[in-house]
N, C-alpha and C. Protein backbone atom coordinates (compact mmCIF):
# COMPACT_ATOMS: atom_id res chain seq x y z
N GLN A 1 1.74 19.00 50.68
CA GLN A 1 0.83 17.87 50.40
C GLN A 1 1.65 16.58 50.32
N LEU A 2 1.10 15.54 50.92
CA LEU A 2 1.76 14.23 50.89
C LEU A 2 0.82 13.25 50.21
N VAL A 3 1.34 12.47 49.27
CA VAL A 3 0.52 11.52 48.54
C VAL A 3 1.19 10.15 48.59
N GLU A 4 0.48 9.18 49.20
CA GLU A 4 1.00 7.83 49.28
C GLU A 4 0.58 7.02 48.07
N SER A 5 1.39 6.03 47.76
CA SER A 5 1.05 5.07 46.70
C SER A 5 1.77 3.77 46.99
N GLY A 6 1.35 2.71 46.29
CA GLY A 6 2.03 1.43 46.41
C GLY A 6 1.33 0.41 47.27
N GLY A 7 0.22 0.78 47.88
CA GLY A 7 -0.51 -0.19 48.66
C GLY A 7 -1.17 -1.23 47.78
N GLY A 8 -1.71 -2.25 48.43
CA GLY A 8 -2.38 -3.29 47.67
C GLY A 8 -2.48 -4.57 48.46
N LEU A 9 -2.60 -5.65 47.73
CA LEU A 9 -2.77 -6.97 48.33
C LEU A 9 -1.48 -7.75 48.23
N ALA A 10 -1.09 -8.38 49.32
CA ALA A 10 0.10 -9.22 49.34
C ALA A 10 -0.20 -10.47 50.15
N GLN A 11 0.52 -11.53 49.84
CA GLN A 11 0.39 -12.76 50.61
C GLN A 11 1.29 -12.71 51.82
N PRO A 12 1.00 -13.47 52.84
CA PRO A 12 1.92 -13.56 53.98
C PRO A 12 3.31 -13.97 53.51
N GLY A 13 4.31 -13.27 54.02
CA GLY A 13 5.67 -13.51 53.58
C GLY A 13 6.07 -12.71 52.37
N GLY A 14 5.12 -12.04 51.77
CA GLY A 14 5.39 -11.25 50.58
C GLY A 14 5.90 -9.86 50.90
N SER A 15 6.01 -9.05 49.86
CA SER A 15 6.57 -7.70 50.00
C SER A 15 5.72 -6.67 49.27
N LEU A 16 5.77 -5.47 49.77
CA LEU A 16 5.19 -4.31 49.11
C LEU A 16 6.11 -3.13 49.37
N ARG A 17 6.07 -2.16 48.45
CA ARG A 17 6.84 -0.94 48.65
C ARG A 17 5.91 0.26 48.54
N LEU A 18 5.85 1.02 49.60
CA LEU A 18 5.04 2.23 49.61
C LEU A 18 5.92 3.44 49.29
N SER A 19 5.30 4.40 48.65
CA SER A 19 5.97 5.67 48.36
C SER A 19 5.15 6.80 48.91
N CYS A 20 5.82 7.86 49.28
CA CYS A 20 5.16 9.07 49.76
C CYS A 20 5.82 10.25 49.06
N ALA A 21 5.10 10.86 48.15
CA ALA A 21 5.63 11.99 47.40
C ALA A 21 5.11 13.29 48.00
N ALA A 22 6.03 14.19 48.26
CA ALA A 22 5.67 15.48 48.84
C ALA A 22 5.65 16.54 47.76
N SER A 23 4.71 17.44 47.86
CA SER A 23 4.62 18.54 46.91
C SER A 23 4.15 19.79 47.63
N GLY A 24 4.35 20.90 46.99
CA GLY A 24 3.89 22.16 47.55
C GLY A 24 4.91 22.84 48.43
N ARG A 25 5.83 22.07 48.96
CA ARG A 25 6.91 22.63 49.76
C ARG A 25 8.00 21.57 49.79
N THR A 26 9.16 21.97 50.23
CA THR A 26 10.22 20.97 50.38
C THR A 26 10.18 20.40 51.78
N PHE A 27 10.22 19.10 51.85
CA PHE A 27 10.23 18.41 53.13
C PHE A 27 11.62 17.87 53.45
N ASN A 28 12.61 18.41 52.74
CA ASN A 28 13.95 17.86 52.89
C ASN A 28 14.46 17.87 54.33
N TYR A 29 14.14 18.88 55.10
CA TYR A 29 14.65 18.97 56.47
C TYR A 29 13.63 18.54 57.50
N TYR A 30 12.58 17.90 57.01
CA TYR A 30 11.54 17.40 57.90
C TYR A 30 11.84 15.95 58.30
N THR A 31 11.37 15.58 59.46
CA THR A 31 11.31 14.17 59.83
C THR A 31 10.06 13.58 59.21
N MET A 32 10.22 12.47 58.51
CA MET A 32 9.11 11.82 57.82
C MET A 32 8.78 10.51 58.52
N GLY A 33 7.50 10.23 58.66
CA GLY A 33 7.10 9.02 59.35
C GLY A 33 6.04 8.25 58.60
N TRP A 34 5.92 7.00 58.94
CA TRP A 34 4.84 6.14 58.47
C TRP A 34 4.07 5.65 59.69
N PHE A 35 2.76 5.75 59.58
CA PHE A 35 1.86 5.25 60.61
C PHE A 35 0.87 4.31 59.94
N ARG A 36 0.17 3.53 60.75
CA ARG A 36 -0.87 2.67 60.19
C ARG A 36 -2.04 2.62 61.16
N GLN A 37 -3.19 2.31 60.59
CA GLN A 37 -4.41 2.29 61.40
C GLN A 37 -5.37 1.24 60.87
N THR A 38 -5.97 0.52 61.81
CA THR A 38 -7.04 -0.42 61.49
C THR A 38 -8.32 0.07 62.14
N PRO A 39 -9.46 -0.35 61.64
CA PRO A 39 -10.74 0.15 62.17
C PRO A 39 -10.87 -0.08 63.67
N GLY A 40 -11.25 0.99 64.36
CA GLY A 40 -11.48 0.91 65.78
C GLY A 40 -10.23 1.01 66.64
N LYS A 41 -9.08 1.20 66.02
CA LYS A 41 -7.83 1.29 66.77
C LYS A 41 -7.17 2.64 66.56
N GLU A 42 -6.28 2.98 67.48
CA GLU A 42 -5.52 4.21 67.37
C GLU A 42 -4.52 4.11 66.23
N ARG A 43 -4.15 5.27 65.70
CA ARG A 43 -3.13 5.30 64.66
C ARG A 43 -1.80 4.90 65.31
N GLU A 44 -1.12 3.97 64.68
CA GLU A 44 0.07 3.35 65.28
C GLU A 44 1.33 3.77 64.55
N PHE A 45 2.34 4.13 65.30
CA PHE A 45 3.64 4.48 64.73
C PHE A 45 4.30 3.24 64.14
N VAL A 46 4.85 3.39 62.95
CA VAL A 46 5.56 2.30 62.28
C VAL A 46 7.05 2.59 62.22
N VAL A 47 7.40 3.72 61.66
CA VAL A 47 8.81 4.07 61.49
C VAL A 47 8.90 5.55 61.13
N ALA A 48 10.03 6.15 61.43
CA ALA A 48 10.28 7.53 61.02
C ALA A 48 11.76 7.68 60.67
N ILE A 49 12.03 8.69 59.87
CA ILE A 49 13.40 8.93 59.43
C ILE A 49 13.67 10.43 59.42
N THR A 50 14.82 10.81 59.93
CA THR A 50 15.20 12.22 59.93
C THR A 50 15.74 12.61 58.56
N TRP A 51 15.96 13.90 58.38
CA TRP A 51 16.45 14.37 57.09
C TRP A 51 17.83 13.79 56.79
N SER A 52 18.60 13.46 57.84
CA SER A 52 19.95 12.94 57.65
C SER A 52 19.97 11.43 57.49
N GLY A 53 18.79 10.79 57.61
CA GLY A 53 18.73 9.36 57.38
C GLY A 53 18.71 8.48 58.61
N ILE A 54 18.61 9.08 59.78
CA ILE A 54 18.50 8.29 61.00
C ILE A 54 17.07 7.79 61.12
N ALA A 55 16.92 6.48 61.31
CA ALA A 55 15.59 5.88 61.35
C ALA A 55 15.32 5.22 62.69
N TYR A 56 14.06 5.19 63.04
CA TYR A 56 13.62 4.51 64.27
C TYR A 56 12.39 3.70 63.93
N TYR A 57 12.41 2.41 64.29
CA TYR A 57 11.35 1.48 63.93
C TYR A 57 10.57 1.02 65.15
N ALA A 58 9.29 0.79 64.96
CA ALA A 58 8.51 0.11 65.97
C ALA A 58 9.00 -1.33 66.06
N ASP A 59 8.94 -1.90 67.24
CA ASP A 59 9.43 -3.28 67.43
C ASP A 59 8.70 -4.27 66.53
N SER A 60 7.44 -3.98 66.24
CA SER A 60 6.63 -4.92 65.47
C SER A 60 7.09 -5.05 64.02
N VAL A 61 7.86 -4.08 63.53
CA VAL A 61 8.29 -4.13 62.13
C VAL A 61 9.81 -4.18 61.98
N LYS A 62 10.52 -4.08 63.07
CA LYS A 62 11.99 -4.06 63.02
C LYS A 62 12.51 -5.33 62.37
N GLY A 63 13.42 -5.16 61.43
CA GLY A 63 13.98 -6.30 60.72
C GLY A 63 13.18 -6.73 59.51
N ARG A 64 11.97 -6.20 59.35
CA ARG A 64 11.12 -6.57 58.20
C ARG A 64 10.87 -5.38 57.28
N PHE A 65 10.74 -4.20 57.86
CA PHE A 65 10.45 -2.99 57.09
C PHE A 65 11.71 -2.14 57.03
N ALA A 66 11.82 -1.38 55.95
CA ALA A 66 12.95 -0.45 55.80
C ALA A 66 12.46 0.85 55.20
N ILE A 67 12.80 1.94 55.86
CA ILE A 67 12.43 3.27 55.36
C ILE A 67 13.64 3.91 54.69
N SER A 68 13.38 4.67 53.67
CA SER A 68 14.43 5.42 53.01
C SER A 68 13.82 6.70 52.44
N ARG A 69 14.68 7.62 52.08
CA ARG A 69 14.17 8.87 51.52
C ARG A 69 15.12 9.35 50.44
N ASP A 70 14.54 9.99 49.46
CA ASP A 70 15.30 10.61 48.38
C ASP A 70 14.95 12.09 48.42
N ASN A 71 15.80 12.87 49.04
CA ASN A 71 15.50 14.28 49.22
C ASN A 71 15.44 15.03 47.89
N ALA A 72 16.18 14.57 46.91
CA ALA A 72 16.14 15.23 45.61
C ALA A 72 14.78 15.05 44.95
N LYS A 73 14.12 13.94 45.25
CA LYS A 73 12.79 13.68 44.68
C LYS A 73 11.67 14.01 45.65
N ASN A 74 12.04 14.48 46.84
CA ASN A 74 11.02 14.81 47.85
C ASN A 74 10.11 13.62 48.12
N THR A 75 10.71 12.45 48.21
CA THR A 75 9.95 11.21 48.33
C THR A 75 10.54 10.33 49.43
N VAL A 76 9.64 9.67 50.15
CA VAL A 76 10.00 8.71 51.18
C VAL A 76 9.42 7.36 50.79
N TYR A 77 10.16 6.31 51.08
CA TYR A 77 9.75 4.97 50.73
C TYR A 77 9.66 4.09 51.97
N LEU A 78 8.79 3.11 51.90
CA LEU A 78 8.69 2.10 52.94
C LEU A 78 8.68 0.74 52.27
N GLN A 79 9.80 0.02 52.39
CA GLN A 79 9.89 -1.33 51.87
C GLN A 79 9.43 -2.29 52.95
N MET A 80 8.39 -3.05 52.64
CA MET A 80 7.80 -3.96 53.62
C MET A 80 8.02 -5.39 53.15
N ASN A 81 8.79 -6.13 53.90
CA ASN A 81 9.09 -7.52 53.58
C ASN A 81 8.52 -8.44 54.66
N SER A 82 8.48 -9.72 54.36
CA SER A 82 7.99 -10.73 55.31
C SER A 82 6.67 -10.29 55.93
N LEU A 83 5.76 -9.87 55.10
CA LEU A 83 4.49 -9.33 55.58
C LEU A 83 3.69 -10.38 56.34
N LYS A 84 2.99 -9.90 57.36
CA LYS A 84 2.15 -10.74 58.19
C LYS A 84 0.71 -10.27 58.10
N PHE A 85 -0.21 -11.13 58.49
CA PHE A 85 -1.63 -10.75 58.49
C PHE A 85 -1.83 -9.47 59.29
N GLU A 86 -1.14 -9.35 60.40
CA GLU A 86 -1.34 -8.21 61.29
C GLU A 86 -0.78 -6.91 60.74
N ASP A 87 -0.11 -6.95 59.60
CA ASP A 87 0.35 -5.71 58.95
C ASP A 87 -0.77 -5.07 58.14
N THR A 88 -1.89 -5.76 58.00
CA THR A 88 -3.02 -5.19 57.27
C THR A 88 -3.51 -3.93 57.95
N ALA A 89 -3.56 -2.85 57.20
CA ALA A 89 -3.96 -1.55 57.75
C ALA A 89 -3.95 -0.51 56.64
N VAL A 90 -4.47 0.66 56.95
CA VAL A 90 -4.26 1.82 56.10
C VAL A 90 -2.96 2.47 56.57
N TYR A 91 -2.05 2.69 55.64
CA TYR A 91 -0.75 3.26 55.96
C TYR A 91 -0.74 4.73 55.56
N TYR A 92 -0.28 5.55 56.51
CA TYR A 92 -0.25 6.99 56.31
C TYR A 92 1.19 7.50 56.36
N CYS A 93 1.49 8.42 55.48
CA CYS A 93 2.75 9.14 55.52
C CYS A 93 2.52 10.44 56.29
N ALA A 94 3.51 10.84 57.07
CA ALA A 94 3.37 12.05 57.86
C ALA A 94 4.71 12.80 57.91
N ALA A 95 4.63 14.09 58.20
CA ALA A 95 5.84 14.91 58.25
C ALA A 95 5.77 15.90 59.40
N ARG A 96 6.93 16.15 60.01
CA ARG A 96 7.01 17.16 61.05
C ARG A 96 8.27 17.99 60.84
N ASP A 97 8.12 19.28 61.11
CA ASP A 97 9.21 20.22 60.89
C ASP A 97 10.16 20.18 62.08
N SER A 98 10.91 19.10 62.15
CA SER A 98 11.84 18.92 63.26
C SER A 98 12.87 17.88 62.86
N THR A 99 14.01 17.94 63.51
CA THR A 99 15.06 16.95 63.24
C THR A 99 14.98 15.77 64.19
N SER A 100 14.00 15.78 65.08
CA SER A 100 13.89 14.68 66.04
C SER A 100 12.75 13.75 65.67
N ILE A 101 12.87 12.51 66.10
CA ILE A 101 11.84 11.49 65.84
C ILE A 101 10.95 11.37 67.06
N VAL A 102 9.67 11.46 66.81
CA VAL A 102 8.67 11.29 67.85
C VAL A 102 7.65 10.27 67.36
N ALA A 103 7.22 9.39 68.24
CA ALA A 103 6.30 8.34 67.82
C ALA A 103 4.84 8.76 67.87
N GLY A 104 4.53 9.79 68.60
CA GLY A 104 3.14 10.20 68.73
C GLY A 104 2.62 10.89 67.48
N PRO A 105 1.48 10.44 66.96
CA PRO A 105 0.96 11.04 65.72
C PRO A 105 0.62 12.51 65.85
N ASN A 106 0.29 12.99 67.03
CA ASN A 106 -0.07 14.39 67.20
C ASN A 106 1.10 15.33 66.93
N ALA A 107 2.31 14.79 66.91
CA ALA A 107 3.50 15.62 66.66
C ALA A 107 3.72 15.87 65.17
N TYR A 108 2.90 15.26 64.34
CA TYR A 108 3.05 15.38 62.89
C TYR A 108 1.88 16.18 62.32
N PRO A 109 2.10 17.40 61.89
CA PRO A 109 1.00 18.22 61.38
C PRO A 109 0.62 17.96 59.93
N HIS A 110 1.48 17.26 59.19
CA HIS A 110 1.22 17.03 57.77
C HIS A 110 0.98 15.55 57.53
N TRP A 111 -0.12 15.25 56.82
CA TRP A 111 -0.52 13.86 56.60
C TRP A 111 -0.94 13.63 55.16
N GLY A 112 -0.71 12.41 54.69
CA GLY A 112 -1.26 11.99 53.43
C GLY A 112 -2.65 11.40 53.63
N GLN A 113 -3.26 10.96 52.54
CA GLN A 113 -4.62 10.46 52.60
C GLN A 113 -4.68 8.98 52.97
N GLY A 114 -3.54 8.30 52.93
CA GLY A 114 -3.49 6.90 53.31
C GLY A 114 -3.58 5.96 52.12
N THR A 115 -2.99 4.79 52.27
CA THR A 115 -3.06 3.75 51.25
C THR A 115 -3.28 2.41 51.94
N GLN A 116 -4.20 1.63 51.41
CA GLN A 116 -4.57 0.36 52.04
C GLN A 116 -3.54 -0.71 51.72
N VAL A 117 -3.13 -1.43 52.76
CA VAL A 117 -2.29 -2.61 52.62
C VAL A 117 -3.05 -3.78 53.22
N THR A 118 -3.25 -4.81 52.43
CA THR A 118 -3.96 -5.98 52.88
C THR A 118 -3.08 -7.21 52.69
N VAL A 119 -2.86 -7.93 53.78
CA VAL A 119 -2.09 -9.16 53.72
C VAL A 119 -3.05 -10.32 53.91
N SER A 120 -3.17 -11.11 52.87
CA SER A 120 -4.16 -12.19 52.89
C SER A 120 -3.70 -13.32 51.99
N SER A 121 -4.06 -14.54 52.37
CA SER A 121 -3.73 -15.70 51.54
C SER A 121 -4.93 -16.07 50.67
């Protein structure tokens, strides 16, 4: 089970930190990803990180977002800085039992329930 937290309202240029806590099994050797979705659009890849800490970012968030993981706590974090209006979405945590990073959401069998991030002035 994956449970996201930390969403909310932020102003443009502001920051938020999302957390994804895993329970029920260890996800230490899983690749963990963050996706986001807005109404009427496909779920979009944001970033993913392997168990060893190798990360891959979507171009739209590169240099602004940072993913990290604490395997001892079975938790993944997404630090979002310099937020833009277009970052508004429901953010989902996902996991796949593989050491490789894939951007397609269908490659991730485990999902959280999502947390809303709204960027507004």
